[in-house]
Amino acid sequence: MFVSRSSRLLAVASCVLTKDIIRGVVLERIRLSVSSSKGNTMFQFVKIPLIPLTTANQVNIFASNVTHLQTAKIFITVPTGIAKLTRCILDGGSQSSFVSTRLVDVLNLKVISTNNLEVRGFESHSSETQPRRRVQLELSSIWNKSSVSLSAFESSNTYAPHQTVPTDITLFARQKKLKLADPYEKTDNLPIEVLIGADFYWTVMTVKPPKKLTESLVLMPSIFGWILSGSRSMTNIKFDKTSAIHSICTDKVALQKEDEDVRTFWDLETLGIKASQEKEVYA
């Protein structure tokens, strides 16, 4: 009986016992290891836990830390009624607010004054002083009519691209009915054209308490919505629908196939036990 069970286990070990068991979510992977000592074959089943998946087209992997800066999608509204959709970054380390020179010209923003401004960057050994236009801005939320009026200096600098809120946090916010200030969109390629410095930072932020997601990642409340801020050690990797790593079984045929695999596994596990029980019954 042991020899028969051993041969059958070895025959199907690679195709059944190493298969992922799936019912709604990936539970675990079962691996069969075989060792031989003094002519006896030993079998050991090792359960390898997998990261639970919530959708079929994404998987979480551990990667280097990613720091999310405080960004938001906003509308810039001018007196003529024109509203321009863009992105802003909130930086409490900057003493002044800035807006793209291109926007100043394209939207014909109201110029309040022209001042000589000295700009010195962090760890910079030199400063730049030149006259800059200071303009009036009306910024509003993409979700409602919440708005704020502020002034900002023009800037010809181009801000580096920065990712929006990852999909997993977007799903979390949707569950909690939270309006994200910079929600994820597949076709999102809006540049950052406004910097809100410490001069207007607390005009934009609200008095609601922040929501702590992890030890180093929070959602900050603002008139534009909830702003993601902080670092995380796990990034969300998305895959196309045609190349999902683990498929989630939802149809009846797929579930029946998985049931058959699980049943085959347990039949193999109880080969010797069933035989002994049958002998006792007929004895």
C-alpha atoms as a PDB file:
ATOM      1  CA  MET A   1       0.000   0.000   0.000  1.00  0.00           C
ATOM      2  CA  PHE A   2       2.816   2.406   0.863  1.00  0.00           C
ATOM      3  CA  VAL A   3       4.608   1.677  -2.423  1.00  0.00           C
ATOM      4  CA  SER A   4       1.434   2.283  -4.412  1.00  0.00           C
ATOM      5  CA  ARG A   5       0.749   5.527  -2.567  1.00  0.00           C
ATOM      6  CA  SER A   6       4.344   6.653  -3.064  1.00  0.00           C
ATOM      7  CA  SER A   7       4.294   6.041  -6.784  1.00  0.00           C
ATOM      8  CA  ARG A   8       0.983   7.811  -7.214  1.00  0.00           C
ATOM      9  CA  LEU A   9       2.171  10.794  -5.196  1.00  0.00           C
ATOM     10  CA  LEU A  10       5.350  11.065  -7.232  1.00  0.00           C
ATOM     11  CA  ALA A  11       3.382  10.842 -10.470  1.00  0.00           C
ATOM     12  CA  VAL A  12       1.094  13.748  -9.697  1.00  0.00           C
ATOM     13  CA  ALA A  13       3.275  15.853  -7.388  1.00  0.00           C
ATOM     14  CA  SER A  14       4.385  18.275 -10.078  1.00  0.00           C
ATOM     15  CA  CYS A  15       0.973  18.865 -11.624  1.00  0.00           C
ATOM     16  CA  VAL A  16      -1.344  18.916  -8.581  1.00  0.00           C
ATOM     17  CA  LEU A  17       0.478  19.572  -5.357  1.00  0.00           C
ATOM     18  CA  THR A  18       2.407  22.577  -6.609  1.00  0.00           C
ATOM     19  CA  LYS A  19      -0.735  24.209  -7.975  1.00  0.00           C
ATOM     20  CA  ASP A  20      -2.131  27.316  -6.329  1.00  0.00           C
ATOM     21  CA  ILE A  21      -5.431  26.681  -4.551  1.00  0.00           C
ATOM     22  CA  ILE A  22      -7.768  29.512  -5.456  1.00  0.00           C
ATOM     23  CA  ARG A  23     -11.310  30.258  -4.307  1.00  0.00           C
ATOM     24  CA  GLY A  24     -12.028  33.959  -4.509  1.00  0.00           C
ATOM     25  CA  VAL A  25      -8.467  34.815  -3.389  1.00  0.00           C
ATOM     26  CA  VAL A  26      -5.088  33.118  -3.535  1.00  0.00           C
ATOM     27  CA  LEU A  27      -4.715  31.231  -0.270  1.00  0.00           C
ATOM     28  CA  GLU A  28      -1.452  29.310  -0.291  1.00  0.00           C
ATOM     29  CA  ARG A  29       0.841  27.198  -2.405  1.00  0.00           C
ATOM     30  CA  ILE A  30       1.434  23.577  -1.419  1.00  0.00           C
ATOM     31  CA  ARG A  31       4.797  22.091  -2.334  1.00  0.00           C
ATOM     32  CA  LEU A  32       5.756  18.433  -2.087  1.00  0.00           C
ATOM     33  CA  SER A  33       9.325  17.644  -1.091  1.00  0.00           C
ATOM     34  CA  VAL A  34      10.652  14.074  -1.344  1.00  0.00           C
ATOM     35  CA  SER A  35      13.639  12.657   0.527  1.00  0.00           C
ATOM     36  CA  SER A  36      15.020   9.141   0.824  1.00  0.00           C
ATOM     37  CA  SER A  37      16.736   7.584   3.846  1.00  0.00           C
ATOM     38  CA  LYS A  38      17.698   3.897   4.174  1.00  0.00           C
ATOM     39  CA  GLY A  39      15.350   2.869   1.408  1.00  0.00           C
ATOM     40  CA  ASN A  40      12.324   4.645   2.907  1.00  0.00           C
ATOM     41  CA  THR A  41      10.688   7.471   0.994  1.00  0.00           C
ATOM     42  CA  MET A  42       9.586  10.446   3.086  1.00  0.00           C
ATOM     43  CA  PHE A  43       7.036  13.024   1.964  1.00  0.00           C
ATOM     44  CA  GLN A  44       6.664  16.490   3.384  1.00  0.00           C
ATOM     45  CA  PHE A  45       4.009  19.048   2.464  1.00  0.00           C
ATOM     46  CA  VAL A  46       5.123  22.653   2.866  1.00  0.00           C
ATOM     47  CA  LYS A  47       2.527  25.445   2.855  1.00  0.00           C
ATOM     48  CA  ILE A  48       3.886  28.646   1.342  1.00  0.00           C
ATOM     49  CA  PRO A  49       1.670  31.676   2.147  1.00  0.00           C
ATOM     50  CA  LEU A  50       1.091  34.119  -0.665  1.00  0.00           C
ATOM     51  CA  ILE A  51       0.152  37.819  -0.527  1.00  0.00           C
ATOM     52  CA  PRO A  52      -3.671  38.060  -0.784  1.00  0.00           C
ATOM     53  CA  LEU A  53      -4.866  39.736  -3.961  1.00  0.00           C
ATOM     54  CA  THR A  54      -7.946  41.919  -4.203  1.00  0.00           C
ATOM     55  CA  THR A  55      -8.144  42.059  -7.991  1.00  0.00           C
ATOM     56  CA  ALA A  56      -6.975  39.885 -10.833  1.00  0.00           C
ATOM     57  CA  ASN A  57      -4.835  42.528 -12.511  1.00  0.00           C
ATOM     58  CA  GLN A  58      -2.466  43.726  -9.819  1.00  0.00           C
ATOM     59  CA  VAL A  59       0.017  42.316  -7.364  1.00  0.00           C
ATOM     60  CA  ASN A  60       1.820  43.953  -4.456  1.00  0.00           C
ATOM     61  CA  ILE A  61       5.590  43.510  -4.345  1.00  0.00           C
ATOM     62  CA  PHE A  62       8.160  44.770  -1.899  1.00  0.00           C
ATOM     63  CA  ALA A  63      10.360  47.442  -3.428  1.00  0.00           C
ATOM     64  CA  SER A  64      12.457  50.405  -2.439  1.00  0.00           C
ATOM     65  CA  ASN A  65      10.715  53.183  -0.510  1.00  0.00           C
ATOM     66  CA  VAL A  66       8.509  55.562  -2.458  1.00  0.00           C
ATOM     67  CA  THR A  67       7.864  59.017  -1.008  1.00  0.00           C
ATOM     68  CA  HIS A  68       4.580  60.637  -1.981  1.00  0.00           C
ATOM     69  CA  LEU A  69       4.696  64.423  -2.101  1.00  0.00           C
ATOM     70  CA  GLN A  70       1.528  66.404  -1.408  1.00  0.00           C
ATOM     71  CA  THR A  71      -0.117  66.893  -4.796  1.00  0.00           C
ATOM     72  CA  ALA A  72      -3.640  67.802  -5.885  1.00  0.00           C
ATOM     73  CA  LYS A  73      -5.648  68.347  -9.037  1.00  0.00           C
ATOM     74  CA  ILE A  74      -7.110  71.844  -9.170  1.00  0.00           C
ATOM     75  CA  PHE A  75      -8.963  74.276 -11.379  1.00  0.00           C
ATOM     76  CA  ILE A  76      -7.485  77.727 -11.949  1.00  0.00           C
ATOM     77  CA  THR A  77     -10.360  80.100 -12.652  1.00  0.00           C
ATOM     78  CA  VAL A  78      -9.954  83.537 -14.205  1.00  0.00           C
ATOM     79  CA  PRO A  79     -12.486  86.436 -14.134  1.00  0.00           C
ATOM     80  CA  THR A  80     -13.583  85.654 -17.706  1.00  0.00           C
ATOM     81  CA  GLY A  81     -14.922  82.308 -16.478  1.00  0.00           C
ATOM     82  CA  ILE A  82     -12.241  80.134 -18.066  1.00  0.00           C
ATOM     83  CA  ALA A  83     -11.172  77.229 -15.840  1.00  0.00           C
ATOM     84  CA  LYS A  84      -7.891  75.436 -16.424  1.00  0.00           C
ATOM     85  CA  LEU A  85      -7.352  71.919 -14.993  1.00  0.00           C
ATOM     86  CA  THR A  86      -3.829  71.329 -13.703  1.00  0.00           C
ATOM     87  CA  ARG A  87      -1.918  69.944 -10.732  1.00  0.00           C
ATOM     88  CA  CYS A  88      -0.315  71.645  -7.763  1.00  0.00           C
ATOM     89  CA  ILE A  89       2.195  70.589  -5.143  1.00  0.00           C
ATOM     90  CA  LEU A  90       2.041  71.747  -1.528  1.00  0.00           C
ATOM     91  CA  ASP A  91       5.440  72.512  -0.009  1.00  0.00           C
ATOM     92  CA  GLY A  92       5.601  73.875   3.523  1.00  0.00           C
ATOM     93  CA  GLY A  93       9.361  74.267   3.095  1.00  0.00           C
ATOM     94  CA  SER A  94       8.978  77.014   0.511  1.00  0.00           C
ATOM     95  CA  GLN A  95       8.461  80.549   1.826  1.00  0.00           C
ATOM     96  CA  SER A  96       6.543  81.653  -1.270  1.00  0.00           C
ATOM     97  CA  SER A  97       4.072  80.202  -3.743  1.00  0.00           C
ATOM     98  CA  PHE A  98       4.818  79.912  -7.460  1.00  0.00           C
ATOM     99  CA  VAL A  99       2.929  79.431 -10.709  1.00  0.00           C
ATOM    100  CA  SER A 100       4.162  78.537 -14.176  1.00  0.00           C
ATOM    101  CA  THR A 101       5.049  81.520 -16.348  1.00  0.00           C
ATOM    102  CA  ARG A 102       3.237  79.799 -19.213  1.00  0.00           C
ATOM    103  CA  LEU A 103      -0.021  79.811 -17.222  1.00  0.00           C
ATOM    104  CA  VAL A 104       0.432  83.480 -16.357  1.00  0.00           C
ATOM    105  CA  ASP A 105       0.606  84.322 -20.055  1.00  0.00           C
ATOM    106  CA  VAL A 106      -1.957  81.835 -21.397  1.00  0.00           C
ATOM    107  CA  LEU A 107      -4.621  82.660 -18.785  1.00  0.00           C
ATOM    108  CA  ASN A 108      -3.679  86.335 -18.656  1.00  0.00           C
ATOM    109  CA  LEU A 109      -3.599  86.223 -14.864  1.00  0.00           C
ATOM    110  CA  LYS A 110      -3.940  89.489 -13.000  1.00  0.00           C
ATOM    111  CA  VAL A 111      -0.521  90.948 -12.098  1.00  0.00           C
ATOM    112  CA  ILE A 112      -0.473  92.443  -8.593  1.00  0.00           C
ATOM    113  CA  SER A 113       3.119  93.672  -8.610  1.00  0.00           C
ATOM    114  CA  THR A 114       6.599  93.057  -9.918  1.00  0.00           C
ATOM    115  CA  ASN A 115       9.254  92.411  -7.274  1.00  0.00           C
ATOM    116  CA  ASN A 116      12.912  91.502  -7.147  1.00  0.00           C
ATOM    117  CA  LEU A 117      12.894  87.997  -5.751  1.00  0.00           C
ATOM    118  CA  GLU A 118      15.943  86.161  -4.436  1.00  0.00           C
ATOM    119  CA  VAL A 119      15.606  82.401  -4.816  1.00  0.00           C
ATOM    120  CA  ARG A 120      17.990  79.971  -3.154  1.00  0.00           C
ATOM    121  CA  GLY A 121      17.485  76.231  -3.337  1.00  0.00           C
ATOM    122  CA  PHE A 122      18.274  73.691  -0.632  1.00  0.00           C
ATOM    123  CA  GLU A 123      22.029  72.922  -0.548  1.00  0.00           C
ATOM    124  CA  SER A 124      22.559  75.586  -3.216  1.00  0.00           C
ATOM    125  CA  HIS A 125      25.735  77.687  -2.907  1.00  0.00           C
ATOM    126  CA  SER A 126      24.415  80.522  -5.036  1.00  0.00           C
ATOM    127  CA  SER A 127      21.222  82.540  -5.265  1.00  0.00           C
ATOM    128  CA  GLU A 128      19.377  84.098  -8.160  1.00  0.00           C
ATOM    129  CA  THR A 129      17.802  87.549  -7.934  1.00  0.00           C
ATOM    130  CA  GLN A 130      15.575  88.833 -10.710  1.00  0.00           C
ATOM    131  CA  PRO A 131      12.301  90.730 -11.144  1.00  0.00           C
ATOM    132  CA  ARG A 132       9.253  88.482 -11.166  1.00  0.00           C
ATOM    133  CA  ARG A 133       5.583  89.126 -11.652  1.00  0.00           C
ATOM    134  CA  ARG A 134       3.331  88.372  -8.714  1.00  0.00           C
ATOM    135  CA  VAL A 135      -0.155  87.322  -9.820  1.00  0.00           C
ATOM    136  CA  GLN A 136      -3.545  86.637  -8.261  1.00  0.00           C
ATOM    137  CA  LEU A 137      -4.844  83.057  -8.422  1.00  0.00           C
ATOM    138  CA  GLU A 138      -8.242  81.508  -7.768  1.00  0.00           C
ATOM    139  CA  LEU A 139      -7.859  77.771  -7.126  1.00  0.00           C
ATOM    140  CA  SER A 140     -10.798  75.410  -6.697  1.00  0.00           C
ATOM    141  CA  SER A 141     -11.417  71.736  -5.986  1.00  0.00           C
ATOM    142  CA  ILE A 142     -12.278  69.240  -8.723  1.00  0.00           C
ATOM    143  CA  TRP A 143     -15.023  67.810  -6.454  1.00  0.00           C
ATOM    144  CA  ASN A 144     -16.985  70.852  -5.314  1.00  0.00           C
ATOM    145  CA  LYS A 145     -17.017  74.639  -5.235  1.00  0.00           C
ATOM    146  CA  SER A 146     -14.423  74.945  -2.456  1.00  0.00           C
ATOM    147  CA  SER A 147     -11.889  77.549  -3.523  1.00  0.00           C
ATOM    148  CA  VAL A 148      -9.088  79.723  -2.242  1.00  0.00           C
ATOM    149  CA  SER A 149      -7.610  82.984  -3.472  1.00  0.00           C
ATOM    150  CA  LEU A 150      -3.843  83.405  -3.250  1.00  0.00           C
ATOM    151  CA  SER A 151      -0.920  85.231  -4.813  1.00  0.00           C
ATOM    152  CA  ALA A 152       2.110  83.587  -6.371  1.00  0.00           C
ATOM    153  CA  PHE A 153       5.321  84.507  -8.162  1.00  0.00           C
ATOM    154  CA  GLU A 154       5.842  83.385 -11.726  1.00  0.00           C
ATOM    155  CA  SER A 155       8.372  80.606 -12.281  1.00  0.00           C
ATOM    156  CA  SER A 156       9.885  79.287 -15.498  1.00  0.00           C
ATOM    157  CA  ASN A 157      11.038  76.088 -13.795  1.00  0.00           C
ATOM    158  CA  THR A 158       9.556  72.783 -14.923  1.00  0.00           C
ATOM    159  CA  TYR A 159       8.563  70.453 -12.109  1.00  0.00           C
ATOM    160  CA  ALA A 160       9.541  66.808 -12.337  1.00  0.00           C
ATOM    161  CA  PRO A 161       6.640  64.381 -12.960  1.00  0.00           C
ATOM    162  CA  HIS A 162       5.185  62.859  -9.800  1.00  0.00           C
ATOM    163  CA  GLN A 163       2.857  59.896  -9.518  1.00  0.00           C
ATOM    164  CA  THR A 164      -0.740  60.278  -8.428  1.00  0.00           C
ATOM    165  CA  VAL A 165      -2.388  58.236  -5.684  1.00  0.00           C
ATOM    166  CA  PRO A 166      -1.772  54.488  -6.283  1.00  0.00           C
ATOM    167  CA  THR A 167      -4.707  52.263  -7.192  1.00  0.00           C
ATOM    168  CA  ASP A 168      -4.810  50.368  -3.895  1.00  0.00           C
ATOM    169  CA  ILE A 169      -5.215  53.587  -1.906  1.00  0.00           C
ATOM    170  CA  THR A 170      -7.745  54.806  -4.470  1.00  0.00           C
ATOM    171  CA  LEU A 171      -9.823  51.670  -3.792  1.00  0.00           C
ATOM    172  CA  PHE A 172      -9.452  52.210  -0.036  1.00  0.00           C
ATOM    173  CA  ALA A 173     -10.655  55.809  -0.356  1.00  0.00           C
ATOM    174  CA  ARG A 174     -13.601  54.690  -2.468  1.00  0.00           C
ATOM    175  CA  GLN A 175     -14.607  52.209   0.230  1.00  0.00           C
ATOM    176  CA  LYS A 176     -14.392  54.901   2.908  1.00  0.00           C
ATOM    177  CA  LYS A 177     -16.118  57.446   0.637  1.00  0.00           C
ATOM    178  CA  LEU A 178     -13.143  59.807   0.767  1.00  0.00           C
ATOM    179  CA  LYS A 179     -12.569  62.313  -2.034  1.00  0.00           C
ATOM    180  CA  LEU A 180      -8.896  62.183  -3.018  1.00  0.00           C
ATOM    181  CA  ALA A 181      -7.278  65.430  -4.099  1.00  0.00           C
ATOM    182  CA  ASP A 182      -5.107  63.720  -6.716  1.00  0.00           C
ATOM    183  CA  PRO A 183      -6.996  60.549  -7.729  1.00  0.00           C
ATOM    184  CA  TYR A 184      -5.458  57.966 -10.014  1.00  0.00           C
ATOM    185  CA  GLU A 185      -6.458  58.041 -13.675  1.00  0.00           C
ATOM    186  CA  LYS A 186      -5.086  55.795 -16.420  1.00  0.00           C
ATOM    187  CA  THR A 187      -4.718  58.657 -18.890  1.00  0.00           C
ATOM    188  CA  ASP A 188      -3.374  61.093 -16.324  1.00  0.00           C
ATOM    189  CA  ASN A 189      -0.496  63.195 -17.673  1.00  0.00           C
ATOM    190  CA  LEU A 190      -1.208  66.572 -16.095  1.00  0.00           C
ATOM    191  CA  PRO A 191       1.961  68.519 -15.267  1.00  0.00           C
ATOM    192  CA  ILE A 192       2.574  70.232 -11.925  1.00  0.00           C
ATOM    193  CA  GLU A 193       2.256  73.962 -12.647  1.00  0.00           C
ATOM    194  CA  VAL A 194       1.529  75.484  -9.227  1.00  0.00           C
ATOM    195  CA  LEU A 195       3.507  75.331  -5.973  1.00  0.00           C
ATOM    196  CA  ILE A 196       1.678  76.335  -2.802  1.00  0.00           C
ATOM    197  CA  GLY A 197       4.256  77.405  -0.233  1.00  0.00           C
ATOM    198  CA  ALA A 198       4.117  78.046   3.495  1.00  0.00           C
ATOM    199  CA  ASP A 199       2.538  81.469   2.883  1.00  0.00           C
ATOM    200  CA  PHE A 200      -0.772  79.814   1.878  1.00  0.00           C
ATOM    201  CA  TYR A 201      -0.266  76.207   2.987  1.00  0.00           C
ATOM    202  CA  TRP A 202      -2.539  76.418   6.035  1.00  0.00           C
ATOM    203  CA  THR A 203      -5.131  78.358   4.077  1.00  0.00           C
ATOM    204  CA  VAL A 204      -5.577  75.278   1.917  1.00  0.00           C
ATOM    205  CA  MET A 205      -5.431  72.649   4.678  1.00  0.00           C
ATOM    206  CA  THR A 206      -8.511  72.081   6.862  1.00  0.00           C
ATOM    207  CA  VAL A 207      -8.946  71.362  10.576  1.00  0.00           C
ATOM    208  CA  LYS A 208     -10.006  67.725  10.158  1.00  0.00           C
ATOM    209  CA  PRO A 209      -7.595  65.192  11.692  1.00  0.00           C
ATOM    210  CA  PRO A 210      -5.395  63.319   9.201  1.00  0.00           C
ATOM    211  CA  LYS A 211      -6.028  59.640   8.515  1.00  0.00           C
ATOM    212  CA  LYS A 212      -2.976  57.500   9.215  1.00  0.00           C
ATOM    213  CA  LEU A 213      -2.676  54.608   6.771  1.00  0.00           C
ATOM    214  CA  THR A 214       0.670  53.254   8.010  1.00  0.00           C
ATOM    215  CA  GLU A 215       3.435  54.400  10.338  1.00  0.00           C
ATOM    216  CA  SER A 216       4.770  56.714   7.626  1.00  0.00           C
ATOM    217  CA  LEU A 217       1.849  57.314   5.249  1.00  0.00           C
ATOM    218  CA  VAL A 218      -1.150  59.582   5.880  1.00  0.00           C
ATOM    219  CA  LEU A 219      -4.054  61.251   4.121  1.00  0.00           C
ATOM    220  CA  MET A 220      -4.100  64.992   4.851  1.00  0.00           C
ATOM    221  CA  PRO A 221      -7.384  66.965   4.734  1.00  0.00           C
ATOM    222  CA  SER A 222      -7.578  69.985   2.425  1.00  0.00           C
ATOM    223  CA  ILE A 223     -10.177  72.012   0.571  1.00  0.00           C
ATOM    224  CA  PHE A 224      -9.120  70.095  -2.574  1.00  0.00           C
ATOM    225  CA  GLY A 225      -9.767  66.696  -0.980  1.00  0.00           C
ATOM    226  CA  TRP A 226      -7.613  64.190   0.896  1.00  0.00           C
ATOM    227  CA  ILE A 227      -3.928  64.544   0.044  1.00  0.00           C
ATOM    228  CA  LEU A 228      -1.581  61.553   0.250  1.00  0.00           C
ATOM    229  CA  SER A 229       1.705  62.274   2.018  1.00  0.00           C
ATOM    230  CA  GLY A 230       4.603  60.180   3.295  1.00  0.00           C
ATOM    231  CA  SER A 231       6.652  57.143   2.362  1.00  0.00           C
ATOM    232  CA  ARG A 232       5.832  53.493   1.876  1.00  0.00           C
ATOM    233  CA  SER A 233       7.913  50.363   1.360  1.00  0.00           C
ATOM    234  CA  MET A 234       5.356  48.549  -0.782  1.00  0.00           C
ATOM    235  CA  THR A 235       4.442  49.779  -4.253  1.00  0.00           C
ATOM    236  CA  ASN A 236       1.479  48.710  -6.314  1.00  0.00           C
ATOM    237  CA  ILE A 237       2.364  47.106  -9.645  1.00  0.00           C
ATOM    238  CA  LYS A 238      -0.389  46.943 -12.253  1.00  0.00           C
ATOM    239  CA  PHE A 239      -0.630  44.482 -15.120  1.00  0.00           C
ATOM    240  CA  ASP A 240      -2.682  44.522 -18.286  1.00  0.00           C
ATOM    241  CA  LYS A 241      -5.858  42.463 -18.241  1.00  0.00           C
ATOM    242  CA  THR A 242      -4.286  40.012 -20.678  1.00  0.00           C
ATOM    243  CA  SER A 243      -1.311  39.287 -18.417  1.00  0.00           C
ATOM    244  CA  ALA A 244      -2.710  38.840 -14.927  1.00  0.00           C
ATOM    245  CA  ILE A 245      -0.356  36.961 -12.612  1.00  0.00           C
ATOM    246  CA  HIS A 246      -3.116  35.170 -10.687  1.00  0.00           C
ATOM    247  CA  SER A 247      -6.618  34.832 -12.083  1.00  0.00           C
ATOM    248  CA  ILE A 248      -9.478  35.009  -9.643  1.00  0.00           C
ATOM    249  CA  CYS A 249     -12.039  32.247 -10.265  1.00  0.00           C
ATOM    250  CA  THR A 250     -15.547  33.645 -10.510  1.00  0.00           C
ATOM    251  CA  ASP A 251     -17.390  31.385 -12.954  1.00  0.00           C
ATOM    252  CA  LYS A 252     -18.915  28.024 -12.073  1.00  0.00           C
ATOM    253  CA  VAL A 253     -16.792  25.994 -14.501  1.00  0.00           C
ATOM    254  CA  ALA A 254     -13.539  27.385 -13.064  1.00  0.00           C
ATOM    255  CA  LEU A 255     -14.682  26.707  -9.499  1.00  0.00           C
ATOM    256  CA  GLN A 256     -15.573  23.112 -10.389  1.00  0.00           C
ATOM    257  CA  LYS A 257     -12.085  22.633 -11.843  1.00  0.00           C
ATOM    258  CA  GLU A 258     -10.503  23.915  -8.628  1.00  0.00           C
ATOM    259  CA  ASP A 259     -12.802  21.668  -6.565  1.00  0.00           C
ATOM    260  CA  GLU A 260     -11.585  18.657  -8.542  1.00  0.00           C
ATOM    261  CA  ASP A 261      -7.950  19.594  -7.923  1.00  0.00           C
ATOM    262  CA  VAL A 262      -8.538  19.980  -4.186  1.00  0.00           C
ATOM    263  CA  ARG A 263     -10.471  16.696  -4.063  1.00  0.00           C
ATOM    264  CA  THR A 264      -7.604  14.911  -5.875  1.00  0.00           C
ATOM    265  CA  PHE A 265      -5.159  16.315  -3.344  1.00  0.00           C
ATOM    266  CA  TRP A 266      -7.119  15.033  -0.351  1.00  0.00           C
ATOM    267  CA  ASP A 267      -7.677  11.638  -2.007  1.00  0.00           C
ATOM    268  CA  LEU A 268      -3.903  11.306  -2.276  1.00  0.00           C
ATOM    269  CA  GLU A 269      -3.476  12.365   1.343  1.00  0.00           C
ATOM    270  CA  THR A 270      -5.871   9.683   2.638  1.00  0.00           C
ATOM    271  CA  LEU A 271      -4.887   6.727   0.430  1.00  0.00           C
ATOM    272  CA  GLY A 272      -3.367   4.683   3.259  1.00  0.00           C
ATOM    273  CA  ILE A 273      -5.942   5.767   5.833  1.00  0.00           C
ATOM    274  CA  LYS A 274      -8.946   4.788   3.707  1.00  0.00           C
ATOM    275  CA  ALA A 275      -7.490   1.368   2.956  1.00  0.00           C
ATOM    276  CA  SER A 276      -6.945   0.637   6.664  1.00  0.00           C
ATOM    277  CA  GLN A 277     -10.475   1.762   7.520  1.00  0.00           C
ATOM    278  CA  GLU A 278     -11.997  -0.463   4.821  1.00  0.00           C
ATOM    279  CA  LYS A 279     -10.127  -3.505   6.154  1.00  0.00           C
ATOM    280  CA  GLU A 280     -11.456  -2.846   9.648  1.00  0.00           C
ATOM    281  CA  VAL A 281     -15.028  -2.570   8.356  1.00  0.00           C
ATOM    282  CA  TYR A 282     -14.931  -5.868   6.432  1.00  0.00           C
ATOM    283  CA  ALA A 283     -12.963  -7.755   9.094  1.00  0.00           C
END
